[in-house]
N, C-alpha and C. Protein backbone atom coordinates (compact mmCIF):
# COMPACT_ATOMS: atom_id res chain seq x y z
N MET A 1 19.70 10.08 33.84
CA MET A 1 19.32 9.00 32.81
C MET A 1 20.54 8.00 33.20
N THR A 2 20.07 6.68 32.85
CA THR A 2 21.13 5.82 33.00
C THR A 2 21.72 5.36 31.66
N LYS A 3 22.70 4.54 31.83
CA LYS A 3 23.58 4.18 30.66
C LYS A 3 22.76 3.57 29.45
N LYS A 4 21.84 2.49 30.36
CA LYS A 4 21.12 1.73 29.45
C LYS A 4 19.85 2.55 28.72
N GLU A 5 19.32 3.45 29.65
CA GLU A 5 18.31 4.47 28.87
C GLU A 5 18.83 5.18 27.63
N ASP A 6 20.03 5.88 27.93
CA ASP A 6 21.11 6.56 27.07
C ASP A 6 21.08 5.77 25.65
N LYS A 7 21.65 4.48 25.94
CA LYS A 7 21.84 3.83 24.66
C LYS A 7 20.68 3.11 23.77
N ASN A 8 19.68 2.85 24.45
CA ASN A 8 18.09 2.58 24.09
C ASN A 8 17.87 3.82 23.26
N GLN A 9 17.91 5.03 23.76
CA GLN A 9 17.63 6.20 23.20
C GLN A 9 18.21 6.57 21.76
N SER A 10 19.70 6.40 21.85
CA SER A 10 20.45 6.56 20.71
C SER A 10 20.16 5.53 19.78
N ASN A 11 19.66 4.37 19.87
CA ASN A 11 19.14 3.38 18.88
C ASN A 11 18.00 3.75 18.34
N GLU A 12 17.18 4.19 18.76
CA GLU A 12 15.84 4.69 18.11
C GLU A 12 15.93 5.63 17.02
N GLU A 13 15.61 5.64 15.71
CA GLU A 13 15.70 6.39 14.81
C GLU A 13 14.67 7.80 15.04
N VAL A 14 15.18 9.00 14.99
CA VAL A 14 14.49 9.96 14.79
C VAL A 14 13.88 10.39 13.48
N VAL A 15 12.79 10.41 13.53
CA VAL A 15 12.09 10.82 12.17
C VAL A 15 11.94 12.47 11.90
N LYS A 16 12.69 12.98 11.25
CA LYS A 16 12.56 14.28 10.86
C LYS A 16 12.21 14.82 9.47
N ILE A 17 11.13 15.43 9.19
CA ILE A 17 10.60 15.70 7.96
C ILE A 17 10.42 17.40 7.84
N ASN A 18 10.05 17.62 6.41
CA ASN A 18 9.94 19.02 6.20
C ASN A 18 8.37 19.44 6.78
N LYS A 19 8.23 19.98 7.69
CA LYS A 19 6.95 20.07 8.01
C LYS A 19 5.95 20.90 7.17
N TRP A 20 6.60 21.61 6.39
CA TRP A 20 5.82 22.58 5.32
C TRP A 20 5.18 21.57 4.07
N ASP A 21 5.72 20.35 4.07
CA ASP A 21 5.40 19.47 2.95
C ASP A 21 4.16 18.53 3.35
N GLY A 22 2.94 18.80 2.82
CA GLY A 22 1.73 18.21 3.61
C GLY A 22 1.95 16.57 3.22
N SER A 23 2.33 16.18 1.95
CA SER A 23 2.71 14.78 1.59
C SER A 23 3.44 14.16 2.74
N ALA A 24 4.61 14.54 2.75
CA ALA A 24 5.70 14.08 3.87
C ALA A 24 5.31 13.93 5.12
N VAL A 25 4.40 15.04 5.54
CA VAL A 25 3.86 14.96 6.82
C VAL A 25 3.01 13.62 6.77
N LYS A 26 2.13 13.91 5.74
CA LYS A 26 0.90 12.50 5.89
C LYS A 26 1.58 11.28 5.90
N HIS A 27 2.73 10.97 5.01
CA HIS A 27 3.34 9.66 4.94
C HIS A 27 4.21 9.36 6.39
N ALA A 28 4.51 10.27 6.87
CA ALA A 28 5.46 9.99 7.84
C ALA A 28 4.69 9.61 9.22
N LEU A 29 3.48 10.59 9.30
CA LEU A 29 2.52 9.96 10.61
C LEU A 29 1.86 8.67 10.13
N ASP A 30 1.80 8.41 8.90
CA ASP A 30 1.17 6.96 8.67
C ASP A 30 2.06 5.78 8.97
N ASP A 31 3.45 6.30 8.93
CA ASP A 31 4.42 5.17 9.22
C ASP A 31 4.50 5.27 10.88
N ALA A 32 4.59 6.00 11.52
CA ALA A 32 4.62 6.27 13.02
C ALA A 32 3.31 5.66 13.42
N VAL A 33 2.01 5.80 13.05
CA VAL A 33 0.90 5.29 13.58
C VAL A 33 1.04 3.53 13.36
N LYS A 34 1.45 3.05 11.92
CA LYS A 34 1.80 1.79 11.68
C LYS A 34 2.81 1.15 12.66
N ASN A 35 3.92 1.75 13.00
CA ASN A 35 4.79 1.41 13.94
C ASN A 35 4.23 1.08 15.31
N CYS A 36 3.55 2.19 15.77
CA CYS A 36 2.74 2.07 17.08
C CYS A 36 1.89 0.86 17.04
N LEU A 37 1.12 0.60 16.02
CA LEU A 37 -0.03 -0.20 16.15
C LEU A 37 0.51 -1.59 16.16
N PHE A 38 1.50 -2.06 15.53
CA PHE A 38 2.16 -3.47 15.43
C PHE A 38 3.29 -3.66 16.30
N SER A 39 4.00 -2.55 17.02
CA SER A 39 4.82 -2.89 17.98
C SER A 39 4.20 -3.02 19.14
N ASP A 40 3.13 -2.46 19.48
CA ASP A 40 2.86 -2.78 20.76
C ASP A 40 1.63 -3.84 20.90
N ARG A 41 1.08 -4.48 19.67
CA ARG A 41 0.14 -5.51 19.64
C ARG A 41 0.80 -6.65 18.60
N PRO A 42 1.34 -7.60 19.60
CA PRO A 42 1.53 -8.72 18.90
C PRO A 42 0.40 -9.75 18.32
N GLN A 43 -0.87 -9.54 18.91
CA GLN A 43 -1.66 -10.44 18.34
C GLN A 43 -2.40 -10.06 16.98
N LEU A 44 -1.76 -8.87 16.48
CA LEU A 44 -2.04 -8.46 15.29
C LEU A 44 -0.94 -8.78 14.13
N LYS A 45 -1.50 -9.31 13.35
CA LYS A 45 -0.68 -9.70 12.12
C LYS A 45 -0.62 -9.10 10.91
N GLU A 46 0.17 -8.48 10.30
CA GLU A 46 0.03 -7.46 9.17
C GLU A 46 -0.42 -8.24 7.86
N GLN A 47 -1.06 -7.67 7.09
CA GLN A 47 -1.44 -8.35 5.99
C GLN A 47 -1.15 -7.38 4.77
N PHE A 48 -0.60 -7.83 3.60
CA PHE A 48 -0.13 -7.09 2.56
C PHE A 48 -0.83 -7.43 1.20
N GLY A 49 -2.19 -7.91 1.26
CA GLY A 49 -2.78 -8.28 0.06
C GLY A 49 -3.29 -6.88 -0.74
N LEU A 50 -3.52 -6.06 0.10
CA LEU A 50 -4.06 -4.58 -0.52
C LEU A 50 -2.80 -3.96 -1.42
N ILE A 51 -1.64 -3.97 -0.52
CA ILE A 51 -0.58 -3.34 -1.19
C ILE A 51 -0.20 -4.30 -2.42
N ASN A 52 0.07 -5.60 -2.29
CA ASN A 52 0.15 -6.44 -3.24
C ASN A 52 -0.44 -6.48 -4.68
N MET A 53 -1.83 -5.98 -4.35
CA MET A 53 -2.66 -5.91 -5.54
C MET A 53 -1.88 -4.71 -6.28
N ARG A 54 -1.98 -3.74 -5.65
CA ARG A 54 -1.64 -2.49 -6.33
C ARG A 54 -0.19 -2.68 -7.11
N LEU A 55 0.73 -3.48 -6.26
CA LEU A 55 2.32 -3.88 -7.08
C LEU A 55 1.86 -4.78 -8.26
N ALA A 56 1.17 -5.59 -8.14
CA ALA A 56 0.86 -6.58 -9.23
C ALA A 56 0.24 -5.75 -10.48
N LEU A 57 -0.79 -4.78 -10.35
CA LEU A 57 -1.14 -4.00 -11.66
C LEU A 57 0.03 -3.11 -11.88
N CYS A 58 0.97 -2.60 -11.15
CA CYS A 58 2.05 -1.71 -11.56
C CYS A 58 2.84 -2.79 -12.44
N THR A 59 3.26 -3.94 -11.83
CA THR A 59 4.19 -4.78 -12.64
C THR A 59 3.59 -5.14 -13.98
N LEU A 60 2.23 -5.40 -14.07
CA LEU A 60 1.63 -5.66 -15.37
C LEU A 60 1.71 -4.44 -16.21
N ALA A 61 1.57 -3.23 -15.94
CA ALA A 61 1.84 -2.21 -16.68
C ALA A 61 3.35 -1.92 -17.16
N VAL A 62 4.30 -2.32 -16.26
CA VAL A 62 5.62 -1.97 -16.63
C VAL A 62 5.91 -3.20 -17.61
N GLY A 63 5.18 -4.55 -17.34
CA GLY A 63 5.57 -5.65 -18.14
C GLY A 63 5.17 -5.47 -19.67
N VAL A 64 3.87 -4.71 -19.61
CA VAL A 64 3.35 -4.12 -21.11
C VAL A 64 4.27 -3.36 -21.67
N ALA A 65 5.04 -2.26 -21.17
CA ALA A 65 5.86 -1.41 -21.77
C ALA A 65 7.13 -2.02 -22.05
N VAL A 66 7.57 -3.04 -21.38
CA VAL A 66 8.79 -3.77 -21.64
C VAL A 66 8.61 -4.41 -22.86
N LEU A 67 7.46 -5.36 -22.79
CA LEU A 67 7.18 -5.84 -24.21
C LEU A 67 7.46 -5.22 -25.59
N ALA A 68 6.56 -3.83 -25.27
CA ALA A 68 6.50 -2.85 -26.24
C ALA A 68 7.67 -2.74 -26.79
N HIS A 69 8.83 -2.29 -26.05
CA HIS A 69 10.07 -1.78 -26.16
C HIS A 69 10.83 -3.10 -26.61
N ALA A 70 10.82 -4.35 -26.18
CA ALA A 70 11.34 -5.32 -26.54
C ALA A 70 11.24 -5.81 -28.21
N TRP A 71 9.70 -5.62 -28.30
CA TRP A 71 9.21 -6.11 -29.90
C TRP A 71 9.62 -5.03 -30.70
N ASP A 72 9.77 -3.76 -30.39
CA ASP A 72 10.21 -2.75 -31.36
C ASP A 72 11.37 -2.87 -31.44
N PHE A 73 12.22 -3.15 -30.57
CA PHE A 73 13.65 -3.50 -30.78
C PHE A 73 14.00 -4.57 -31.86
N THR A 74 13.26 -5.53 -31.81
CA THR A 74 13.59 -6.73 -32.58
C THR A 74 13.07 -6.49 -33.91
N HIS A 75 11.64 -5.86 -33.79
CA HIS A 75 11.06 -5.70 -35.29
C HIS A 75 10.65 -4.24 -35.38
N PRO A 76 11.48 -3.53 -35.99
CA PRO A 76 11.64 -2.13 -36.23
C PRO A 76 10.06 -1.46 -36.73
N PHE A 77 9.58 -0.33 -36.48
CA PHE A 77 8.42 0.38 -36.29
C PHE A 77 7.39 -0.34 -37.33
N PRO A 78 7.64 0.05 -38.69
CA PRO A 78 6.19 -0.33 -39.29
C PRO A 78 5.91 -1.81 -39.01
N GLU A 79 6.66 -2.69 -38.63
CA GLU A 79 6.33 -3.97 -38.45
C GLU A 79 5.72 -4.34 -37.17
N SER A 80 6.23 -3.29 -36.19
CA SER A 80 5.86 -3.48 -34.76
C SER A 80 4.40 -2.62 -34.60
N ARG A 81 4.06 -2.03 -35.30
CA ARG A 81 2.73 -0.90 -35.19
C ARG A 81 1.68 -1.92 -34.51
N PRO A 82 1.15 -3.00 -34.58
CA PRO A 82 0.07 -3.71 -33.97
C PRO A 82 0.45 -3.91 -32.55
N VAL A 83 1.53 -4.44 -32.37
CA VAL A 83 1.75 -4.75 -30.89
C VAL A 83 2.08 -3.36 -30.11
N LEU A 84 2.53 -2.22 -30.69
CA LEU A 84 2.84 -1.08 -29.97
C LEU A 84 1.55 -0.45 -29.55
N LEU A 85 0.53 -0.67 -30.63
CA LEU A 85 -0.59 -0.08 -30.41
C LEU A 85 -1.51 -0.88 -29.39
N PHE A 86 -1.23 -1.97 -29.13
CA PHE A 86 -2.03 -2.84 -28.36
C PHE A 86 -1.34 -2.61 -26.79
N SER A 87 -0.09 -2.31 -26.74
CA SER A 87 0.85 -2.12 -25.60
C SER A 87 0.47 -0.64 -24.93
N VAL A 88 0.34 0.21 -25.93
CA VAL A 88 -0.08 1.61 -25.51
C VAL A 88 -1.68 1.34 -24.83
N LEU A 89 -2.47 0.74 -25.58
CA LEU A 89 -3.75 0.74 -24.92
C LEU A 89 -4.06 -0.10 -23.59
N ALA A 90 -3.08 -1.06 -23.82
CA ALA A 90 -3.08 -2.01 -22.52
C ALA A 90 -2.67 -1.08 -21.45
N TYR A 91 -1.41 -0.71 -21.67
CA TYR A 91 -1.05 0.36 -20.26
C TYR A 91 -1.91 1.22 -20.05
N PHE A 92 -2.62 2.10 -20.63
CA PHE A 92 -3.42 3.12 -20.38
C PHE A 92 -4.82 2.38 -19.53
N ALA A 93 -5.07 1.35 -20.03
CA ALA A 93 -6.19 0.31 -19.45
C ALA A 93 -5.85 0.25 -18.00
N LEU A 94 -4.59 -0.59 -17.90
CA LEU A 94 -3.97 -0.90 -16.64
C LEU A 94 -3.80 0.41 -15.71
N MET A 95 -3.31 1.50 -16.08
CA MET A 95 -3.33 2.78 -15.28
C MET A 95 -4.67 3.32 -14.62
N GLY A 96 -5.76 2.99 -15.86
CA GLY A 96 -7.14 3.22 -15.48
C GLY A 96 -7.61 2.46 -14.28
N VAL A 97 -7.38 1.02 -14.39
CA VAL A 97 -7.77 0.17 -13.32
C VAL A 97 -6.91 0.50 -11.82
N LEU A 98 -5.83 0.86 -12.12
CA LEU A 98 -5.03 1.19 -10.90
C LEU A 98 -5.55 2.44 -10.31
N THR A 99 -5.94 3.45 -10.89
CA THR A 99 -6.39 4.39 -10.28
C THR A 99 -7.77 4.08 -9.68
N LEU A 100 -8.51 3.51 -10.48
CA LEU A 100 -9.96 3.21 -9.75
C LEU A 100 -9.74 2.21 -8.52
N TYR A 101 -8.51 1.43 -8.37
CA TYR A 101 -8.45 0.59 -7.25
C TYR A 101 -7.93 1.48 -6.18
N THR A 102 -6.92 2.31 -6.48
CA THR A 102 -6.70 3.17 -5.34
C THR A 102 -7.62 4.26 -4.65
N THR A 103 -8.41 4.47 -5.46
CA THR A 103 -9.54 5.38 -5.36
C THR A 103 -10.50 4.88 -4.45
N PHE A 104 -11.13 3.60 -4.93
CA PHE A 104 -12.57 3.18 -4.34
C PHE A 104 -11.92 1.86 -3.68
N ARG A 105 -10.94 1.19 -3.90
CA ARG A 105 -10.75 0.19 -2.83
C ARG A 105 -9.67 0.51 -1.60
N GLU A 106 -8.39 1.14 -1.95
CA GLU A 106 -7.64 1.44 -0.93
C GLU A 106 -8.35 2.37 0.06
N LYS A 107 -8.54 3.27 -0.56
CA LYS A 107 -9.42 4.58 0.10
C LYS A 107 -8.36 5.24 1.18
N GLY A 108 -7.07 5.29 1.22
CA GLY A 108 -6.15 5.70 2.14
C GLY A 108 -5.80 4.68 3.34
N ILE A 109 -6.12 3.59 3.16
CA ILE A 109 -5.73 2.58 3.85
C ILE A 109 -4.28 2.17 3.80
N PHE A 110 -3.77 2.51 4.83
CA PHE A 110 -2.09 2.10 4.95
C PHE A 110 -1.88 1.04 5.75
N ALA A 111 -2.62 0.19 6.33
CA ALA A 111 -2.20 -0.91 7.16
C ALA A 111 -3.55 -1.92 7.36
N VAL A 112 -3.32 -3.01 7.31
CA VAL A 112 -4.40 -3.99 7.32
C VAL A 112 -3.81 -4.87 8.18
N ALA A 113 -4.67 -5.60 9.22
CA ALA A 113 -3.95 -6.76 10.16
C ALA A 113 -5.28 -7.49 10.54
N ILE A 114 -4.93 -8.82 10.68
CA ILE A 114 -5.82 -9.93 11.23
C ILE A 114 -5.31 -10.23 12.62
N GLN A 115 -6.40 -10.36 13.33
CA GLN A 115 -6.43 -10.62 14.65
C GLN A 115 -7.27 -11.98 14.72
N LYS A 116 -6.87 -12.94 15.31
CA LYS A 116 -7.60 -14.45 15.54
C LYS A 116 -8.38 -14.21 16.74
N ASP A 117 -9.44 -14.77 16.88
CA ASP A 117 -10.25 -14.79 18.03
C ASP A 117 -10.01 -16.20 18.67
N ASN A 118 -10.45 -16.21 19.90
CA ASN A 118 -10.54 -17.60 20.81
C ASN A 118 -11.27 -18.43 20.00
N ASN A 119 -12.48 -18.20 19.38
CA ASN A 119 -13.31 -18.93 18.95
C ASN A 119 -13.15 -19.33 17.61
N GLY A 120 -11.86 -18.94 17.36
CA GLY A 120 -11.41 -19.26 15.70
C GLY A 120 -11.96 -18.35 14.89
N GLY A 121 -12.46 -17.44 15.15
CA GLY A 121 -12.93 -16.32 14.05
C GLY A 121 -11.92 -15.40 14.04
N GLU A 122 -12.03 -14.55 12.78
CA GLU A 122 -11.20 -13.44 12.78
C GLU A 122 -11.60 -12.09 12.51
N ARG A 123 -10.84 -11.08 13.02
CA ARG A 123 -11.17 -9.63 12.87
C ARG A 123 -10.04 -9.03 12.06
N ILE A 124 -10.56 -8.12 11.20
CA ILE A 124 -9.67 -7.27 10.16
C ILE A 124 -9.79 -5.92 10.57
N TRP A 125 -8.47 -5.58 10.99
CA TRP A 125 -8.28 -4.22 11.56
C TRP A 125 -7.67 -3.47 10.31
N GLU A 126 -8.29 -2.19 9.88
CA GLU A 126 -7.72 -1.37 8.98
C GLU A 126 -7.43 0.06 9.49
N ALA A 127 -6.27 0.31 9.10
CA ALA A 127 -5.97 1.94 9.57
C ALA A 127 -5.73 2.74 8.16
N SER A 128 -6.77 3.83 8.28
CA SER A 128 -6.46 4.63 7.04
C SER A 128 -6.45 6.25 7.51
N SER A 129 -6.02 6.91 6.67
CA SER A 129 -5.80 8.46 7.07
C SER A 129 -5.99 9.28 5.69
N ASP A 130 -6.37 10.39 6.01
CA ASP A 130 -6.61 11.61 5.17
C ASP A 130 -5.89 12.82 5.43
N MET A 131 -5.53 13.61 4.63
CA MET A 131 -4.90 15.09 4.98
C MET A 131 -5.02 15.79 3.50
N LYS A 132 -6.16 16.69 3.49
CA LYS A 132 -6.38 17.60 2.32
C LYS A 132 -5.20 18.43 2.07
N LYS A 133 -5.08 18.70 0.92
CA LYS A 133 -4.01 19.64 0.50
C LYS A 133 -4.29 20.86 1.09
N PHE A 134 -3.26 21.64 1.49
CA PHE A 134 -3.13 22.84 2.32
C PHE A 134 -4.12 22.75 3.33
N ASP A 135 -4.08 21.70 3.95
CA ASP A 135 -5.04 21.61 5.26
C ASP A 135 -3.92 21.07 6.25
N ASP A 136 -4.25 21.51 7.75
CA ASP A 136 -3.30 20.85 8.64
C ASP A 136 -3.93 19.59 9.27
N LYS A 137 -5.15 19.43 9.36
CA LYS A 137 -5.97 18.31 9.62
C LYS A 137 -5.31 17.09 9.23
N TYR A 138 -5.12 16.03 10.15
CA TYR A 138 -4.87 14.63 9.97
C TYR A 138 -5.95 13.91 10.42
N ILE A 139 -6.62 13.38 9.48
CA ILE A 139 -7.80 12.32 9.80
C ILE A 139 -7.51 10.97 9.97
N LEU A 140 -7.25 10.18 11.02
CA LEU A 140 -7.05 8.92 11.29
C LEU A 140 -8.11 7.98 11.75
N THR A 141 -8.30 7.06 10.96
CA THR A 141 -9.66 6.25 11.07
C THR A 141 -9.05 4.61 11.31
N PHE A 142 -9.66 4.18 12.46
CA PHE A 142 -9.39 2.63 12.77
C PHE A 142 -10.65 1.92 12.37
N THR A 143 -10.61 0.86 11.55
CA THR A 143 -12.04 0.12 11.38
C THR A 143 -11.61 -1.43 11.62
N ILE A 144 -12.76 -1.84 12.47
CA ILE A 144 -12.39 -3.33 12.68
C ILE A 144 -13.65 -4.03 12.18
N LYS A 145 -13.52 -5.00 11.31
CA LYS A 145 -14.72 -6.02 10.73
C LYS A 145 -14.35 -7.53 11.38
N ASP A 146 -15.62 -7.79 11.68
CA ASP A 146 -15.44 -9.28 12.21
C ASP A 146 -16.93 -9.87 11.50
N SER A 147 -17.08 -11.15 11.66
CA SER A 147 -18.39 -11.93 10.87
C SER A 147 -19.36 -11.33 11.23
N LYS A 148 -19.81 -10.42 12.54
CA LYS A 148 -21.18 -9.84 12.81
C LYS A 148 -21.12 -8.47 12.18
N LYS A 149 -20.30 -7.71 12.41
CA LYS A 149 -20.47 -6.33 12.10
C LYS A 149 -19.06 -5.31 11.93
N MET A 150 -19.35 -4.16 11.49
CA MET A 150 -18.04 -3.40 11.50
C MET A 150 -18.13 -2.13 12.40
N ARG A 151 -17.12 -1.86 13.02
CA ARG A 151 -16.97 -0.49 13.61
C ARG A 151 -15.72 0.29 13.47
N GLU A 152 -15.93 1.54 13.80
CA GLU A 152 -14.92 2.59 13.63
C GLU A 152 -14.67 3.66 14.51
N ALA A 153 -13.38 4.09 14.42
CA ALA A 153 -13.22 5.30 15.19
C ALA A 153 -12.38 6.13 14.58
N THR A 154 -12.64 7.42 14.66
CA THR A 154 -11.97 8.49 13.77
C THR A 154 -11.58 9.61 14.50
N SER A 155 -10.35 10.08 14.36
CA SER A 155 -9.70 11.35 15.08
C SER A 155 -9.09 12.19 14.01
N THR A 156 -9.57 13.46 14.27
CA THR A 156 -9.10 14.66 13.38
C THR A 156 -8.55 15.54 14.26
N LYS A 157 -7.12 15.69 14.00
CA LYS A 157 -6.42 16.78 14.82
C LYS A 157 -5.35 17.28 14.01
N SER A 158 -4.89 18.29 14.41
CA SER A 158 -3.68 19.19 13.78
C SER A 158 -2.56 18.27 13.49
N CYS A 159 -1.69 18.26 12.32
CA CYS A 159 -0.55 17.34 12.62
C CYS A 159 0.42 18.09 13.46
N ALA A 160 0.23 19.52 13.71
CA ALA A 160 1.27 20.17 14.74
C ALA A 160 1.10 19.19 16.10
N SER A 161 -0.13 18.32 16.36
CA SER A 161 -0.18 17.79 17.47
C SER A 161 0.84 16.74 17.77
N PHE A 162 1.21 16.29 16.58
CA PHE A 162 2.20 15.18 16.45
C PHE A 162 3.82 15.58 16.19
N ILE A 163 3.98 16.66 15.68
CA ILE A 163 5.26 17.28 15.05
C ILE A 163 5.69 18.45 16.00
N ASP A 164 6.89 18.25 16.25
CA ASP A 164 7.30 19.52 16.98
C ASP A 164 7.84 20.42 16.12
N GLU A 165 8.36 21.80 16.46
CA GLU A 165 8.79 22.97 15.87
C GLU A 165 9.92 22.59 14.87
N ASN A 166 10.82 21.69 14.84
CA ASN A 166 11.88 21.24 14.38
C ASN A 166 11.67 20.29 13.09
N GLY A 167 10.37 19.69 12.99
CA GLY A 167 9.82 18.84 12.21
C GLY A 167 10.11 17.16 12.67
N VAL A 168 10.18 17.10 14.01
CA VAL A 168 10.54 15.69 14.53
C VAL A 168 8.96 15.16 15.02
N ILE A 169 8.73 14.01 14.44
CA ILE A 169 7.55 13.22 14.82
C ILE A 169 7.72 12.91 16.21
N LEU A 170 6.83 13.07 17.16
CA LEU A 170 6.61 13.04 18.45
C LEU A 170 5.81 11.53 18.81
N ASP A 171 6.64 10.71 18.56
CA ASP A 171 5.99 9.04 18.80
C ASP A 171 5.18 8.70 19.89
N ASN A 172 5.70 9.45 21.07
CA ASN A 172 4.83 9.29 22.19
C ASN A 172 3.27 9.85 22.24
N LEU A 173 3.16 10.93 21.34
CA LEU A 173 1.84 11.69 21.03
C LEU A 173 1.31 10.54 19.97
N VAL A 174 1.80 10.21 18.96
CA VAL A 174 1.22 9.31 18.05
C VAL A 174 0.70 8.09 18.69
N ALA A 175 1.36 7.52 19.59
CA ALA A 175 1.19 6.24 20.29
C ALA A 175 -0.13 6.57 21.21
N HIS A 176 -0.26 7.52 21.78
CA HIS A 176 -1.09 7.97 22.84
C HIS A 176 -2.47 8.12 21.77
N GLU A 177 -2.44 8.65 20.63
CA GLU A 177 -3.54 8.60 19.92
C GLU A 177 -4.15 7.20 19.28
N VAL A 178 -3.08 6.58 18.78
CA VAL A 178 -3.35 5.16 18.53
C VAL A 178 -4.14 4.31 19.42
N ASN A 179 -3.47 4.56 20.70
CA ASN A 179 -3.82 3.58 21.90
C ASN A 179 -5.45 4.03 22.09
N ARG A 180 -5.79 5.39 22.22
CA ARG A 180 -6.95 5.87 22.31
C ARG A 180 -7.92 5.48 21.30
N LEU A 181 -7.76 5.35 19.95
CA LEU A 181 -8.74 4.69 18.89
C LEU A 181 -8.61 3.46 18.99
N TYR A 182 -7.69 2.45 19.36
CA TYR A 182 -7.70 1.29 19.54
C TYR A 182 -8.56 0.79 20.67
N ASN A 183 -8.57 1.33 21.86
CA ASN A 183 -9.07 1.03 23.04
C ASN A 183 -10.61 1.39 22.67
N SER A 184 -10.68 2.45 21.87
CA SER A 184 -12.30 3.15 21.62
C SER A 184 -12.98 2.05 20.84
N VAL A 185 -12.49 1.51 19.93
CA VAL A 185 -13.04 0.41 19.00
C VAL A 185 -13.08 -0.96 19.74
N SER A 186 -12.07 -1.26 20.71
CA SER A 186 -12.21 -2.36 21.33
C SER A 186 -13.28 -2.35 22.24
N ALA A 187 -13.50 -1.06 23.07
CA ALA A 187 -14.50 -1.01 24.15
C ALA A 187 -15.72 -1.19 23.42
N GLU A 188 -16.11 -0.66 22.13
CA GLU A 188 -17.46 -0.82 21.63
C GLU A 188 -17.67 -2.22 21.34
N LYS A 189 -16.61 -2.95 21.15
CA LYS A 189 -17.02 -4.60 20.98
C LYS A 189 -17.29 -5.12 22.08
N LYS A 190 -16.81 -4.88 23.26
CA LYS A 190 -17.16 -5.43 24.78
C LYS A 190 -18.20 -4.89 25.18
N GLU A 191 -18.92 -3.87 24.94
CA GLU A 191 -20.34 -3.22 25.24
C GLU A 191 -21.30 -4.01 24.67
N LYS A 192 -21.17 -4.52 23.34
CA LYS A 192 -22.48 -5.08 22.86
C LYS A 192 -22.37 -6.31 22.89
């Protein structure tokens, strides 16, 4: 190993997780997929609209809670009753909207990217994942949407395929799977 390779290897961050924590495994794999997807493809520009909407809903809910607290502080309880009632109802309504949004709109999507065509059109890339509780299967889906159609490619593999016995994410194996799915979706586009 050369000195330069040794220096590059020491600068890379090694991700180590508790391999028995399913949620931590899923999130670490999602992060590894996202890093591979955007580091190797400069033509993909990450979009944050999906996450920003979730943050806006959370901010509104916290704002309602802060309003209730501030109003109750300046106007003690009997006087603040209508404002507290409104705030409690608004908070629970916003949490319901947030739950519906994450369940039916986000659907496990953790990365969204825009790719510009040479013709001026856009392709929207989405990466989503799922991992059931007490299951080792990591389901990774790439979806591409353009003006004409939508295509997707899915991979279902054991999370042990991407993590060694010490709980370290094997980036080269994740990158191989990301490249395979990316090329699969891209190849479908060229065939049609």
